[in-house]
Amino acid sequence: MRTSGSTRRSYGTGSLYTKTDSNGRETWYGHWRANGRQVKRRLGPKRREGSTDGLTKTQAETRLRRLIVETKTVRPAAERLSVEDVAHRYLVHAERHGRKPSTLANIESEVRVHLMQFFGGRSLDAIRPEDVLDLVAVMEAKGPAPKTIRNVIATLSALFNFAMAPQRGWASANPCQGLELPAVRATTEIRFLTLEEIDLLVAHARPGPFQAIDRALYVTRR
C-alpha cells in the first residue's frame, strides 16, 4: 500500500492524505491531534476522474472537519487524574516557582476541605460547569463568606488551567470560566472601640519599656 503526501493545512485543522491499495484504488484519510493525542480516521474512497463515485477533495475536507469536531478521544486511565492528583502536582509546580508558603498552605486547605470533599476521586476532565455550580450551592448552604467561595473556585480554576497546558493535556476545558459567583459586598464602614473596650486595651498593654507610652496613646485616642 502506497501513501501520498499530505495536504498542508493551517495548524489545528489536521491533515488530509490518500493511501493506494494493491489494486490501485485510492482512499482518503484524515490525521489530527485531540487532547494531546494523534487521531487517524478513514474518510472514504477517492473519486476517480470521470466517475461519480467516491469523495472529491472538497468532500473529504468537509468530512475531516466534521470528524475533528465530533470525535472525542478517550484518555488512557493513567491520564484520568483526580482533583487531588492534579492539586498535588500543582503545589509542587507552584513551590518550584517561588509561591509563598502561606499561599501554598491556603491552596492545600481549599483542596482538602472543599474540593476533595465534594468531587472525591472524580476525573478532572469529567467535571462540568453544572458540577461547579453544585459545589457553590453546597458551600453557600454551609454558610462561608462569599469571598471564601470565590477563593475556592479560583483555586479550582487554577488547577484546570494548569492541567490544560499543552505539555499536560489532563483536561480539555475549564468549567469555571464564565460562571456567576456570589458577589463580595464592598464595605467602608469603620467600627470604633467602645469605652469599655478601650479600658480593656489599656489594661492589657504589653509589658515592657513602652507599656506606659502605649497606655497613654490608647487613652488620648479615646
Foldseek 3Di string as FASTA:
>chain_A
DDKDDWDDDDPPLWIWTWDADPVRWIWIKTWHDDLLHIDIDTQWTEDDPPDPDIDHPVRSSVSSNVCSVPDDDDDPPVLQFFLVRLLVVVLVVVVVVPDDPVVSVLLVCLCVVQVCVQQPGGGLQVDALVSLVVSLVVVVVVPDAQVSSVVSLVSLQVSQVVCVPSVHSSYPDRRSPPDDGDDHDDDDDDDDDDPVVLVVCLVPQPDDPCNVVVNVVSVVVD
